[in-house]
Structures are given as C-alpha cells and as structure tokens.
Amino acid sequence: MAALIFDFDGTLADTQRGILATAQEVLRRMGYAPADEQALAATIGLPLKENFTRGAGLSDEEADRAVAIYREIFEKVAIPVITCFPGVEEVLSTLAERGVPMAVASSRGQHSLEGLMQHLGLDRYIPLQHVFGVETAARHKPAPDMVYVIMGKLGVKPEETLVVGDTTFDIEMGKAAGCYTCGVSYGNQSADQLAGASPNYLLDDLRKLL
C-alpha cells in the first residue's frame, strides 16, 4: 500500500467511555433520562448530531442543542479518560519510520480531532495537515467523499490505499472510494458486524497490520 487512512475513534483512540459519559451528561443537563448505552455506542463513527438523533431519539432541534452542550463540556468530561489502544503508537511510529504516508479520516469535528491528536501525541507520526475532520467533505461516512479528498492531498490512487477503521461506516466509505479496507474488531463494533461489510482484512490487534 502506498498510503494508509485511519479512522480515529475506536481505531487509534479508545474514546468510547469518554463519548458515552459526555453524551449522558448532556442528556442529564437537558432533563432527559439516560439513553441506552448500546444505542448510543452504535452511532459512534457518525457525525455527533446523529449520536443524539439516532442514539437518543432527540429531534433535530434538540439534537443541535445537545451538540452545543456536548462541545462545551467534552474536554472536562471525556479527555481525562481517553487513551490510545494497545500497539497504536508502535504501529504509527514504525510506519512513519518506513516513510509510509498516513492520514486520519474522522467524523469528529476538526478542532476536537486535532486537539486529541496532540493530547495523545499522535501528531508526531501523522502531521495535522493530514488529519481530516467531518468538515472536510459535504457528505460524511459512509460516503467516499472524505477519502477522495485525502487521496488527492496525498497524491495516491484508490488501488494503492488502505482504509482502516472499527465500524462498517469506515469499511463502506473505503470500498465506495475503490480502496482496500481493513476492519479492527477491538473498537466500537464486533468482528461479526465488521465482517458483514466484507473488508479485505479483519484484525483484532492493530499490531498485526505490520
């Protein structure tokens, strides 16, 4: 592969606990009962608003309000419990040493994504100019638009690009762009769920990517 495109949440960073805690705190502040954790977790990987419309059943208007509160409290509630998954730094540092171009394609907002990359020290391996948040393209995952933008920036073709992610949204995005795909089953979706999207590769540990 000439280039690798990684998802962030659930692939590089273990953010589920922080995301769920922040979302439940938002609902509490808005006067709602806690949402079903599985329903919320199933929407991780999609734009934040859909976490509240699809995961918590809020209306569009209420979800917009929830997103605003979420962004206001995220750093305080979530960042202290966010870590890298085992082997992530080893893999990224090895690939960087080999000179393999890497990028991040995330449904997270650009400002938050760059902040977390710096907080975790991953910007040492993937420069922030190769880190792309939800604002990158008009259509979000599983549409291929973000991958098209990234391939254009890196100067690579679909048939030499590998998209790595922990959800079917990532796999469908990569396949729609004509890339090879690799699912990782330690994140937000199970191996069986990922297999349903027919990735080229399916790993239970990112270190196996090497």
N, C-alpha and C. Protein backbone atom coordinates (compact mmCIF):
# COMPACT_ATOMS: atom_id res chain seq x y z
N MET A 1 0.83 -1.19 0.00
CA MET A 1 0.00 0.00 0.00
C MET A 1 0.88 1.26 0.00
N ALA A 2 0.51 2.23 -0.81
CA ALA A 2 1.26 3.48 -0.87
C ALA A 2 0.84 4.45 0.23
N ALA A 3 -0.35 4.25 0.79
CA ALA A 3 -0.83 5.15 1.85
C ALA A 3 -1.88 4.44 2.71
N LEU A 4 -1.96 4.87 3.97
CA LEU A 4 -2.97 4.34 4.89
C LEU A 4 -3.82 5.47 5.44
N ILE A 5 -5.12 5.24 5.48
CA ILE A 5 -6.06 6.21 6.05
C ILE A 5 -6.73 5.56 7.25
N PHE A 6 -6.53 6.14 8.43
CA PHE A 6 -7.09 5.59 9.66
C PHE A 6 -8.31 6.38 10.13
N ASP A 7 -9.29 5.67 10.62
CA ASP A 7 -10.33 6.29 11.44
C ASP A 7 -9.68 6.67 12.77
N PHE A 8 -10.34 7.51 13.56
CA PHE A 8 -9.76 7.92 14.85
C PHE A 8 -10.44 7.23 16.03
N ASP A 9 -11.71 7.55 16.27
CA ASP A 9 -12.44 7.00 17.42
C ASP A 9 -12.66 5.50 17.25
N GLY A 10 -12.14 4.71 18.18
CA GLY A 10 -12.33 3.26 18.12
C GLY A 10 -11.30 2.54 17.29
N THR A 11 -10.42 3.29 16.61
CA THR A 11 -9.37 2.69 15.80
C THR A 11 -8.00 3.05 16.35
N LEU A 12 -7.73 4.34 16.49
CA LEU A 12 -6.49 4.80 17.11
C LEU A 12 -6.70 5.09 18.60
N ALA A 13 -7.81 5.72 18.92
CA ALA A 13 -8.06 6.15 20.30
C ALA A 13 -9.27 5.45 20.91
N ASP A 14 -9.12 5.04 22.15
CA ASP A 14 -10.21 4.43 22.91
C ASP A 14 -11.02 5.56 23.53
N THR A 15 -12.02 6.00 22.79
CA THR A 15 -12.80 7.17 23.21
C THR A 15 -14.21 6.83 23.67
N GLN A 16 -14.59 5.56 23.58
CA GLN A 16 -16.00 5.22 23.84
C GLN A 16 -16.47 5.66 25.22
N ARG A 17 -15.68 5.36 26.24
CA ARG A 17 -16.10 5.71 27.61
C ARG A 17 -16.30 7.21 27.74
N GLY A 18 -15.38 7.98 27.16
CA GLY A 18 -15.49 9.43 27.24
C GLY A 18 -16.67 9.97 26.46
N ILE A 19 -16.91 9.42 25.28
CA ILE A 19 -18.04 9.86 24.45
C ILE A 19 -19.36 9.57 25.14
N LEU A 20 -19.51 8.35 25.65
CA LEU A 20 -20.77 7.97 26.30
C LEU A 20 -21.01 8.78 27.56
N ALA A 21 -19.96 8.99 28.36
CA ALA A 21 -20.11 9.79 29.59
C ALA A 21 -20.54 11.21 29.26
N THR A 22 -19.95 11.79 28.21
CA THR A 22 -20.29 13.16 27.83
C THR A 22 -21.71 13.23 27.31
N ALA A 23 -22.10 12.28 26.47
CA ALA A 23 -23.46 12.28 25.91
C ALA A 23 -24.51 12.12 27.01
N GLN A 24 -24.26 11.24 27.97
CA GLN A 24 -25.23 11.06 29.07
C GLN A 24 -25.30 12.30 29.95
N GLU A 25 -24.18 12.97 30.16
CA GLU A 25 -24.19 14.20 30.94
C GLU A 25 -24.97 15.30 30.21
N VAL A 26 -24.86 15.34 28.89
CA VAL A 26 -25.64 16.29 28.10
C VAL A 26 -27.13 16.04 28.29
N LEU A 27 -27.54 14.78 28.17
CA LEU A 27 -28.95 14.43 28.33
C LEU A 27 -29.45 14.78 29.73
N ARG A 28 -28.60 14.53 30.72
CA ARG A 28 -28.99 14.88 32.10
C ARG A 28 -29.22 16.37 32.23
N ARG A 29 -28.31 17.16 31.66
CA ARG A 29 -28.45 18.62 31.75
C ARG A 29 -29.67 19.14 31.01
N MET A 30 -30.10 18.39 29.99
CA MET A 30 -31.27 18.80 29.22
C MET A 30 -32.58 18.27 29.82
N GLY A 31 -32.45 17.49 30.89
CA GLY A 31 -33.65 16.99 31.56
C GLY A 31 -34.18 15.68 31.03
N TYR A 32 -33.37 14.97 30.25
CA TYR A 32 -33.79 13.68 29.71
C TYR A 32 -33.25 12.54 30.57
N ALA A 33 -33.94 11.40 30.49
CA ALA A 33 -33.43 10.19 31.14
C ALA A 33 -32.21 9.69 30.37
N PRO A 34 -31.34 8.93 31.03
CA PRO A 34 -30.18 8.39 30.31
C PRO A 34 -30.60 7.57 29.10
N ALA A 35 -29.82 7.64 28.03
CA ALA A 35 -30.10 6.85 26.83
C ALA A 35 -29.52 5.45 26.99
N ASP A 36 -30.02 4.54 26.19
CA ASP A 36 -29.47 3.18 26.17
C ASP A 36 -28.02 3.24 25.67
N GLU A 37 -27.11 2.69 26.47
CA GLU A 37 -25.68 2.79 26.14
C GLU A 37 -25.36 2.09 24.81
N GLN A 38 -26.01 0.96 24.55
CA GLN A 38 -25.74 0.25 23.31
C GLN A 38 -26.20 1.04 22.10
N ALA A 39 -27.36 1.70 22.24
CA ALA A 39 -27.89 2.51 21.14
C ALA A 39 -26.97 3.69 20.87
N LEU A 40 -26.46 4.31 21.93
CA LEU A 40 -25.52 5.42 21.76
C LEU A 40 -24.22 4.94 21.12
N ALA A 41 -23.70 3.84 21.63
CA ALA A 41 -22.42 3.32 21.13
C ALA A 41 -22.50 2.96 19.66
N ALA A 42 -23.69 2.50 19.22
CA ALA A 42 -23.85 2.09 17.82
C ALA A 42 -23.72 3.25 16.85
N THR A 43 -23.85 4.49 17.36
CA THR A 43 -23.77 5.66 16.47
C THR A 43 -22.38 6.29 16.47
N ILE A 44 -21.46 5.78 17.28
CA ILE A 44 -20.10 6.32 17.28
C ILE A 44 -19.47 6.04 15.92
N GLY A 45 -18.87 7.05 15.36
CA GLY A 45 -18.34 6.94 14.00
C GLY A 45 -19.14 7.77 13.01
N LEU A 46 -20.35 8.17 13.43
CA LEU A 46 -21.16 9.08 12.63
C LEU A 46 -21.01 10.49 13.19
N PRO A 47 -21.43 11.52 12.43
CA PRO A 47 -21.38 12.88 12.97
C PRO A 47 -22.12 12.99 14.30
N LEU A 48 -21.64 13.88 15.16
CA LEU A 48 -22.12 13.98 16.53
C LEU A 48 -23.63 14.15 16.63
N LYS A 49 -24.21 14.93 15.75
CA LYS A 49 -25.66 15.16 15.83
C LYS A 49 -26.43 13.85 15.74
N GLU A 50 -25.93 12.91 14.93
CA GLU A 50 -26.63 11.63 14.78
C GLU A 50 -26.51 10.76 16.03
N ASN A 51 -25.52 11.02 16.87
CA ASN A 51 -25.45 10.33 18.16
C ASN A 51 -26.71 10.62 18.97
N PHE A 52 -27.21 11.84 18.83
CA PHE A 52 -28.38 12.24 19.62
C PHE A 52 -29.71 11.97 18.92
N THR A 53 -29.74 12.07 17.57
CA THR A 53 -30.99 11.77 16.88
C THR A 53 -31.22 10.27 16.81
N ARG A 54 -30.20 9.53 16.37
CA ARG A 54 -30.34 8.08 16.22
C ARG A 54 -30.10 7.33 17.52
N GLY A 55 -29.15 7.82 18.34
CA GLY A 55 -28.80 7.11 19.56
C GLY A 55 -29.68 7.42 20.75
N ALA A 56 -30.20 8.66 20.81
CA ALA A 56 -31.00 9.06 21.97
C ALA A 56 -32.42 9.48 21.60
N GLY A 57 -32.73 9.49 20.30
CA GLY A 57 -34.09 9.78 19.87
C GLY A 57 -34.51 11.24 19.96
N LEU A 58 -33.56 12.16 19.97
CA LEU A 58 -33.90 13.58 20.04
C LEU A 58 -34.32 14.11 18.67
N SER A 59 -35.12 15.17 18.68
CA SER A 59 -35.48 15.85 17.45
C SER A 59 -34.27 16.58 16.89
N ASP A 60 -34.36 17.01 15.64
CA ASP A 60 -33.25 17.75 15.03
C ASP A 60 -32.90 18.98 15.85
N GLU A 61 -33.92 19.70 16.27
CA GLU A 61 -33.69 20.95 17.02
C GLU A 61 -33.03 20.67 18.37
N GLU A 62 -33.54 19.67 19.08
CA GLU A 62 -32.96 19.31 20.38
C GLU A 62 -31.55 18.74 20.22
N ALA A 63 -31.33 18.00 19.13
CA ALA A 63 -30.00 17.44 18.88
C ALA A 63 -28.98 18.55 18.63
N ASP A 64 -29.39 19.61 17.95
CA ASP A 64 -28.49 20.75 17.74
C ASP A 64 -28.09 21.35 19.07
N ARG A 65 -29.06 21.46 19.98
CA ARG A 65 -28.78 22.00 21.31
C ARG A 65 -27.85 21.06 22.08
N ALA A 66 -28.10 19.76 21.94
CA ALA A 66 -27.27 18.77 22.62
C ALA A 66 -25.82 18.83 22.13
N VAL A 67 -25.64 19.00 20.83
CA VAL A 67 -24.29 19.08 20.26
C VAL A 67 -23.54 20.27 20.84
N ALA A 68 -24.23 21.40 20.98
CA ALA A 68 -23.59 22.60 21.52
C ALA A 68 -23.13 22.37 22.96
N ILE A 69 -23.97 21.72 23.77
CA ILE A 69 -23.61 21.44 25.16
C ILE A 69 -22.47 20.43 25.21
N TYR A 70 -22.54 19.42 24.35
CA TYR A 70 -21.51 18.38 24.29
C TYR A 70 -20.14 19.00 24.05
N ARG A 71 -20.07 19.89 23.07
CA ARG A 71 -18.79 20.51 22.73
C ARG A 71 -18.28 21.40 23.86
N GLU A 72 -19.20 21.95 24.61
CA GLU A 72 -18.82 22.82 25.73
C GLU A 72 -18.19 22.03 26.87
N ILE A 73 -18.67 20.80 27.10
CA ILE A 73 -18.22 20.05 28.27
C ILE A 73 -17.28 18.89 27.94
N PHE A 74 -17.06 18.61 26.65
CA PHE A 74 -16.31 17.41 26.26
C PHE A 74 -14.92 17.35 26.89
N GLU A 75 -14.19 18.45 26.81
CA GLU A 75 -12.81 18.43 27.31
C GLU A 75 -12.74 18.07 28.79
N LYS A 76 -13.66 18.61 29.56
CA LYS A 76 -13.65 18.36 31.00
C LYS A 76 -14.07 16.93 31.33
N VAL A 77 -15.11 16.43 30.64
CA VAL A 77 -15.66 15.12 30.98
C VAL A 77 -14.89 13.97 30.33
N ALA A 78 -14.55 14.12 29.05
CA ALA A 78 -14.06 12.97 28.28
C ALA A 78 -12.54 12.84 28.20
N ILE A 79 -11.85 13.94 27.98
CA ILE A 79 -10.42 13.84 27.69
C ILE A 79 -9.62 13.11 28.77
N PRO A 80 -9.94 13.28 30.06
CA PRO A 80 -9.16 12.56 31.08
C PRO A 80 -9.20 11.04 30.96
N VAL A 81 -10.22 10.49 30.28
CA VAL A 81 -10.32 9.02 30.21
C VAL A 81 -10.02 8.49 28.80
N ILE A 82 -9.52 9.34 27.89
CA ILE A 82 -9.21 8.90 26.53
C ILE A 82 -7.75 8.47 26.43
N THR A 83 -7.53 7.30 25.87
CA THR A 83 -6.17 6.76 25.70
C THR A 83 -6.05 6.15 24.30
N CYS A 84 -4.82 5.84 23.91
CA CYS A 84 -4.59 5.08 22.67
C CYS A 84 -4.82 3.60 22.95
N PHE A 85 -5.26 2.89 21.94
CA PHE A 85 -5.36 1.43 22.07
C PHE A 85 -3.95 0.83 22.09
N PRO A 86 -3.81 -0.36 22.68
CA PRO A 86 -2.50 -1.02 22.72
C PRO A 86 -1.92 -1.18 21.31
N GLY A 87 -0.65 -0.85 21.18
CA GLY A 87 0.05 -1.04 19.92
C GLY A 87 -0.06 0.10 18.93
N VAL A 88 -0.93 1.07 19.18
CA VAL A 88 -1.15 2.14 18.21
C VAL A 88 0.13 2.95 17.97
N GLU A 89 0.78 3.38 19.05
CA GLU A 89 1.99 4.17 18.87
C GLU A 89 3.09 3.36 18.19
N GLU A 90 3.20 2.09 18.53
CA GLU A 90 4.21 1.22 17.90
C GLU A 90 3.97 1.13 16.40
N VAL A 91 2.72 0.94 16.00
CA VAL A 91 2.39 0.81 14.58
C VAL A 91 2.64 2.11 13.84
N LEU A 92 2.14 3.23 14.39
CA LEU A 92 2.29 4.50 13.70
C LEU A 92 3.76 4.92 13.61
N SER A 93 4.52 4.69 14.68
CA SER A 93 5.94 5.07 14.64
C SER A 93 6.70 4.22 13.63
N THR A 94 6.37 2.93 13.56
CA THR A 94 7.03 2.04 12.59
C THR A 94 6.71 2.46 11.16
N LEU A 95 5.44 2.74 10.90
CA LEU A 95 5.04 3.15 9.55
C LEU A 95 5.67 4.49 9.19
N ALA A 96 5.74 5.40 10.17
CA ALA A 96 6.36 6.71 9.91
C ALA A 96 7.84 6.54 9.58
N GLU A 97 8.52 5.65 10.31
CA GLU A 97 9.94 5.38 10.04
C GLU A 97 10.14 4.79 8.65
N ARG A 98 9.17 4.01 8.20
CA ARG A 98 9.24 3.41 6.87
C ARG A 98 8.89 4.42 5.77
N GLY A 99 8.42 5.60 6.18
CA GLY A 99 8.06 6.62 5.20
C GLY A 99 6.72 6.41 4.53
N VAL A 100 5.83 5.64 5.17
CA VAL A 100 4.50 5.39 4.61
C VAL A 100 3.60 6.59 4.90
N PRO A 101 3.05 7.25 3.88
CA PRO A 101 2.13 8.37 4.13
C PRO A 101 0.87 7.88 4.86
N MET A 102 0.49 8.62 5.91
CA MET A 102 -0.70 8.25 6.69
C MET A 102 -1.59 9.48 6.87
N ALA A 103 -2.88 9.21 7.02
CA ALA A 103 -3.85 10.28 7.26
C ALA A 103 -4.93 9.76 8.20
N VAL A 104 -5.71 10.68 8.74
CA VAL A 104 -6.85 10.33 9.59
C VAL A 104 -8.11 10.88 8.94
N ALA A 105 -9.15 10.04 8.86
CA ALA A 105 -10.46 10.44 8.35
C ALA A 105 -11.48 10.20 9.46
N SER A 106 -12.03 11.26 10.02
CA SER A 106 -12.88 11.13 11.21
C SER A 106 -14.19 11.89 11.05
N SER A 107 -15.22 11.39 11.72
CA SER A 107 -16.50 12.10 11.80
C SER A 107 -16.49 13.11 12.94
N ARG A 108 -15.39 13.20 13.65
CA ARG A 108 -15.23 14.19 14.73
C ARG A 108 -14.94 15.56 14.11
N GLY A 109 -15.34 16.62 14.79
CA GLY A 109 -15.04 17.97 14.33
C GLY A 109 -13.54 18.20 14.26
N GLN A 110 -13.12 19.05 13.33
CA GLN A 110 -11.69 19.27 13.09
C GLN A 110 -10.95 19.77 14.32
N HIS A 111 -11.53 20.73 15.01
CA HIS A 111 -10.85 21.31 16.18
C HIS A 111 -10.64 20.26 17.27
N SER A 112 -11.70 19.49 17.55
CA SER A 112 -11.61 18.44 18.57
C SER A 112 -10.62 17.36 18.15
N LEU A 113 -10.66 16.98 16.88
CA LEU A 113 -9.78 15.93 16.37
C LEU A 113 -8.31 16.33 16.49
N GLU A 114 -7.98 17.54 16.07
CA GLU A 114 -6.60 17.99 16.16
C GLU A 114 -6.15 18.08 17.62
N GLY A 115 -7.04 18.54 18.50
CA GLY A 115 -6.70 18.63 19.92
C GLY A 115 -6.39 17.27 20.52
N LEU A 116 -7.18 16.26 20.16
CA LEU A 116 -6.96 14.92 20.70
C LEU A 116 -5.70 14.28 20.10
N MET A 117 -5.44 14.53 18.83
CA MET A 117 -4.20 14.02 18.23
C MET A 117 -2.99 14.57 18.97
N GLN A 118 -3.04 15.85 19.31
CA GLN A 118 -1.94 16.47 20.05
C GLN A 118 -1.89 15.96 21.49
N HIS A 119 -3.05 15.85 22.13
CA HIS A 119 -3.13 15.37 23.52
C HIS A 119 -2.51 13.97 23.66
N LEU A 120 -2.76 13.11 22.65
CA LEU A 120 -2.24 11.74 22.69
C LEU A 120 -0.84 11.62 22.09
N GLY A 121 -0.33 12.70 21.51
CA GLY A 121 1.00 12.68 20.92
C GLY A 121 1.07 11.99 19.57
N LEU A 122 -0.08 11.76 18.94
CA LEU A 122 -0.08 11.05 17.67
C LEU A 122 0.31 11.96 16.50
N ASP A 123 0.32 13.26 16.74
CA ASP A 123 0.74 14.19 15.69
C ASP A 123 2.25 14.07 15.42
N ARG A 124 2.94 13.32 16.26
CA ARG A 124 4.37 13.04 15.98
C ARG A 124 4.52 12.12 14.78
N TYR A 125 3.48 11.32 14.51
CA TYR A 125 3.54 10.33 13.44
C TYR A 125 2.69 10.71 12.23
N ILE A 126 1.55 11.35 12.51
CA ILE A 126 0.67 11.80 11.43
C ILE A 126 0.53 13.31 11.57
N PRO A 127 1.11 14.08 10.66
CA PRO A 127 1.06 15.54 10.79
C PRO A 127 -0.38 16.06 10.71
N LEU A 128 -0.64 17.16 11.40
CA LEU A 128 -2.00 17.68 11.48
C LEU A 128 -2.56 18.07 10.12
N GLN A 129 -1.70 18.36 9.16
CA GLN A 129 -2.21 18.68 7.82
C GLN A 129 -2.75 17.44 7.10
N HIS A 130 -2.50 16.26 7.69
CA HIS A 130 -3.06 15.02 7.15
C HIS A 130 -4.17 14.47 8.05
N VAL A 131 -4.73 15.32 8.89
CA VAL A 131 -5.79 14.94 9.82
C VAL A 131 -7.07 15.66 9.38
N PHE A 132 -8.11 14.88 9.05
CA PHE A 132 -9.31 15.44 8.42
C PHE A 132 -10.57 15.12 9.24
N GLY A 133 -11.25 16.18 9.67
CA GLY A 133 -12.49 16.03 10.43
C GLY A 133 -13.71 16.06 9.54
N VAL A 134 -14.87 16.06 10.19
CA VAL A 134 -16.14 15.94 9.47
C VAL A 134 -16.39 17.09 8.50
N GLU A 135 -15.76 18.24 8.73
CA GLU A 135 -15.96 19.39 7.85
C GLU A 135 -15.27 19.24 6.50
N THR A 136 -14.45 18.21 6.34
CA THR A 136 -13.63 18.03 5.14
C THR A 136 -14.46 17.91 3.86
N ALA A 137 -15.59 17.23 3.94
CA ALA A 137 -16.39 16.96 2.75
C ALA A 137 -17.87 17.19 3.03
N ALA A 138 -18.62 17.44 1.97
CA ALA A 138 -20.05 17.72 2.11
C ALA A 138 -20.81 16.50 2.63
N ARG A 139 -20.41 15.32 2.19
CA ARG A 139 -21.09 14.10 2.64
C ARG A 139 -20.17 13.34 3.60
N HIS A 140 -20.74 12.86 4.69
CA HIS A 140 -19.95 12.16 5.70
C HIS A 140 -19.99 10.66 5.48
N LYS A 141 -19.21 9.93 6.29
CA LYS A 141 -19.21 8.47 6.22
C LYS A 141 -20.65 7.95 6.27
N PRO A 142 -20.98 6.91 5.51
CA PRO A 142 -20.12 6.04 4.71
C PRO A 142 -19.89 6.51 3.26
N ALA A 143 -20.26 7.75 2.93
CA ALA A 143 -19.96 8.27 1.60
C ALA A 143 -18.44 8.34 1.41
N PRO A 144 -17.95 8.22 0.20
CA PRO A 144 -16.50 8.15 -0.04
C PRO A 144 -15.81 9.51 -0.13
N ASP A 145 -16.57 10.60 -0.01
CA ASP A 145 -16.05 11.94 -0.30
C ASP A 145 -14.76 12.28 0.47
N MET A 146 -14.73 11.96 1.75
CA MET A 146 -13.57 12.30 2.56
C MET A 146 -12.31 11.58 2.07
N VAL A 147 -12.48 10.33 1.67
CA VAL A 147 -11.34 9.56 1.16
C VAL A 147 -10.83 10.16 -0.15
N TYR A 148 -11.75 10.60 -1.00
CA TYR A 148 -11.34 11.25 -2.25
C TYR A 148 -10.48 12.48 -1.96
N VAL A 149 -10.91 13.29 -0.99
CA VAL A 149 -10.16 14.49 -0.63
C VAL A 149 -8.76 14.11 -0.15
N ILE A 150 -8.70 13.11 0.73
CA ILE A 150 -7.42 12.71 1.32
C ILE A 150 -6.48 12.14 0.26
N MET A 151 -7.01 11.30 -0.62
CA MET A 151 -6.16 10.73 -1.67
C MET A 151 -5.60 11.84 -2.56
N GLY A 152 -6.42 12.86 -2.81
CA GLY A 152 -5.95 13.99 -3.59
C GLY A 152 -4.81 14.72 -2.90
N LYS A 153 -4.94 14.88 -1.57
CA LYS A 153 -3.88 15.56 -0.79
C LYS A 153 -2.59 14.74 -0.76
N LEU A 154 -2.73 13.41 -0.66
CA LEU A 154 -1.56 12.54 -0.57
C LEU A 154 -1.00 12.16 -1.94
N GLY A 155 -1.78 12.39 -2.99
CA GLY A 155 -1.32 12.05 -4.33
C GLY A 155 -1.25 10.56 -4.58
N VAL A 156 -2.26 9.82 -4.07
CA VAL A 156 -2.27 8.36 -4.25
C VAL A 156 -3.56 7.92 -4.94
N LYS A 157 -3.53 6.69 -5.46
CA LYS A 157 -4.69 6.13 -6.16
C LYS A 157 -5.46 5.19 -5.23
N PRO A 158 -6.75 4.97 -5.51
CA PRO A 158 -7.55 4.07 -4.66
C PRO A 158 -6.96 2.67 -4.52
N GLU A 159 -6.44 2.13 -5.62
CA GLU A 159 -5.96 0.74 -5.60
C GLU A 159 -4.66 0.57 -4.82
N GLU A 160 -4.06 1.68 -4.34
CA GLU A 160 -2.85 1.58 -3.53
C GLU A 160 -3.06 2.18 -2.13
N THR A 161 -4.33 2.33 -1.76
CA THR A 161 -4.68 2.95 -0.48
C THR A 161 -5.46 1.97 0.39
N LEU A 162 -5.12 1.91 1.68
CA LEU A 162 -5.80 1.04 2.64
C LEU A 162 -6.52 1.92 3.67
N VAL A 163 -7.83 1.70 3.82
CA VAL A 163 -8.63 2.42 4.82
C VAL A 163 -8.84 1.48 6.01
N VAL A 164 -8.48 1.96 7.20
CA VAL A 164 -8.54 1.14 8.42
C VAL A 164 -9.53 1.76 9.39
N GLY A 165 -10.52 0.97 9.85
CA GLY A 165 -11.50 1.50 10.78
C GLY A 165 -12.20 0.44 11.59
N ASP A 166 -12.92 0.87 12.60
CA ASP A 166 -13.56 -0.06 13.53
C ASP A 166 -15.06 -0.20 13.31
N THR A 167 -15.61 0.48 12.29
CA THR A 167 -17.05 0.39 12.03
C THR A 167 -17.33 0.09 10.57
N THR A 168 -18.53 -0.39 10.32
CA THR A 168 -18.95 -0.64 8.94
C THR A 168 -18.98 0.65 8.13
N PHE A 169 -19.19 1.79 8.81
CA PHE A 169 -19.19 3.08 8.10
C PHE A 169 -17.82 3.32 7.45
N ASP A 170 -16.75 2.97 8.17
CA ASP A 170 -15.40 3.13 7.63
C ASP A 170 -15.16 2.20 6.44
N ILE A 171 -15.59 0.95 6.60
CA ILE A 171 -15.37 -0.04 5.55
C ILE A 171 -16.16 0.35 4.29
N GLU A 172 -17.41 0.74 4.48
CA GLU A 172 -18.25 1.13 3.34
C GLU A 172 -17.68 2.37 2.65
N MET A 173 -17.16 3.31 3.43
CA MET A 173 -16.54 4.51 2.87
C MET A 173 -15.35 4.14 1.99
N GLY A 174 -14.46 3.29 2.53
CA GLY A 174 -13.28 2.88 1.78
C GLY A 174 -13.62 2.12 0.52
N LYS A 175 -14.57 1.20 0.62
CA LYS A 175 -14.96 0.41 -0.54
C LYS A 175 -15.60 1.28 -1.62
N ALA A 176 -16.42 2.24 -1.18
CA ALA A 176 -17.08 3.13 -2.15
C ALA A 176 -16.07 3.99 -2.90
N ALA A 177 -14.92 4.24 -2.26
CA ALA A 177 -13.86 5.03 -2.90
C ALA A 177 -12.93 4.16 -3.75
N GLY A 178 -13.16 2.84 -3.72
CA GLY A 178 -12.34 1.93 -4.52
C GLY A 178 -11.05 1.50 -3.84
N CYS A 179 -10.96 1.70 -2.52
CA CYS A 179 -9.75 1.36 -1.77
C CYS A 179 -9.83 -0.05 -1.19
N TYR A 180 -8.69 -0.54 -0.73
CA TYR A 180 -8.66 -1.73 0.11
C TYR A 180 -9.11 -1.31 1.52
N THR A 181 -9.68 -2.25 2.26
CA THR A 181 -10.20 -1.91 3.60
C THR A 181 -9.76 -2.92 4.64
N CYS A 182 -9.62 -2.44 5.86
CA CYS A 182 -9.22 -3.29 6.99
C CYS A 182 -10.06 -2.92 8.21
N GLY A 183 -10.81 -3.88 8.72
CA GLY A 183 -11.59 -3.65 9.92
C GLY A 183 -10.79 -4.06 11.15
N VAL A 184 -10.99 -3.32 12.25
CA VAL A 184 -10.38 -3.69 13.53
C VAL A 184 -11.49 -3.93 14.53
N SER A 185 -11.45 -5.10 15.17
CA SER A 185 -12.60 -5.54 15.97
C SER A 185 -12.49 -5.20 17.46
N TYR A 186 -11.47 -4.43 17.86
CA TYR A 186 -11.32 -4.08 19.27
C TYR A 186 -12.02 -2.75 19.62
N GLY A 187 -12.65 -2.11 18.64
CA GLY A 187 -13.25 -0.80 18.85
C GLY A 187 -14.73 -0.85 19.16
N ASN A 188 -15.52 -0.14 18.37
CA ASN A 188 -16.94 0.04 18.68
C ASN A 188 -17.87 -1.00 18.06
N GLN A 189 -17.35 -1.82 17.14
CA GLN A 189 -18.18 -2.86 16.54
C GLN A 189 -17.46 -4.20 16.58
N SER A 190 -18.25 -5.25 16.62
CA SER A 190 -17.69 -6.60 16.74
C SER A 190 -17.15 -7.11 15.40
N ALA A 191 -16.40 -8.19 15.49
CA ALA A 191 -15.87 -8.82 14.28
C ALA A 191 -17.00 -9.26 13.36
N ASP A 192 -18.09 -9.78 13.93
CA ASP A 192 -19.23 -10.23 13.10
C ASP A 192 -19.87 -9.05 12.38
N GLN A 193 -20.03 -7.92 13.09
CA GLN A 193 -20.61 -6.74 12.45
C GLN A 193 -19.72 -6.27 11.30
N LEU A 194 -18.44 -6.21 11.55
CA LEU A 194 -17.50 -5.75 10.53
C LEU A 194 -17.45 -6.71 9.34
N ALA A 195 -17.50 -7.99 9.62
CA ALA A 195 -17.46 -8.99 8.55
C ALA A 195 -18.63 -8.82 7.59
N GLY A 196 -19.75 -8.31 8.11
CA GLY A 196 -20.93 -8.08 7.28
C GLY A 196 -20.67 -7.05 6.19
N ALA A 197 -19.67 -6.19 6.39
CA ALA A 197 -19.34 -5.18 5.38
C ALA A 197 -18.26 -5.67 4.42
N SER A 198 -17.79 -6.90 4.63
CA SER A 198 -16.79 -7.56 3.75
C SER A 198 -15.51 -6.76 3.55
N PRO A 199 -14.80 -6.44 4.65
CA PRO A 199 -13.49 -5.79 4.48
C PRO A 199 -12.49 -6.77 3.88
N ASN A 200 -11.43 -6.25 3.27
CA ASN A 200 -10.38 -7.13 2.74
C ASN A 200 -9.63 -7.83 3.87
N TYR A 201 -9.48 -7.15 5.00
CA TYR A 201 -8.76 -7.69 6.15
C TYR A 201 -9.56 -7.39 7.41
N LEU A 202 -9.41 -8.26 8.41
CA LEU A 202 -10.08 -8.06 9.69
C LEU A 202 -9.10 -8.45 10.80
N LEU A 203 -8.75 -7.48 11.66
CA LEU A 203 -7.75 -7.69 12.69
C LEU A 203 -8.33 -7.49 14.08
N ASP A 204 -7.80 -8.21 15.07
CA ASP A 204 -8.20 -7.98 16.45
C ASP A 204 -7.14 -7.20 17.22
N ASP A 205 -6.06 -6.83 16.56
CA ASP A 205 -4.96 -6.09 17.18
C ASP A 205 -4.28 -5.29 16.06
N LEU A 206 -4.13 -3.98 16.24
CA LEU A 206 -3.57 -3.16 15.18
C LEU A 206 -2.14 -3.55 14.84
N ARG A 207 -1.43 -4.14 15.81
CA ARG A 207 -0.04 -4.53 15.56
C ARG A 207 0.06 -5.57 14.43
N LYS A 208 -1.01 -6.30 14.18
CA LYS A 208 -1.00 -7.28 13.09
C LYS A 208 -0.97 -6.60 11.73
N LEU A 209 -1.27 -5.32 11.69
CA LEU A 209 -1.21 -4.57 10.43
C LEU A 209 0.21 -4.57 9.87
N LEU A 210 1.19 -4.56 10.76
CA LEU A 210 2.59 -4.51 10.32
C LEU A 210 3.00 -5.79 9.59
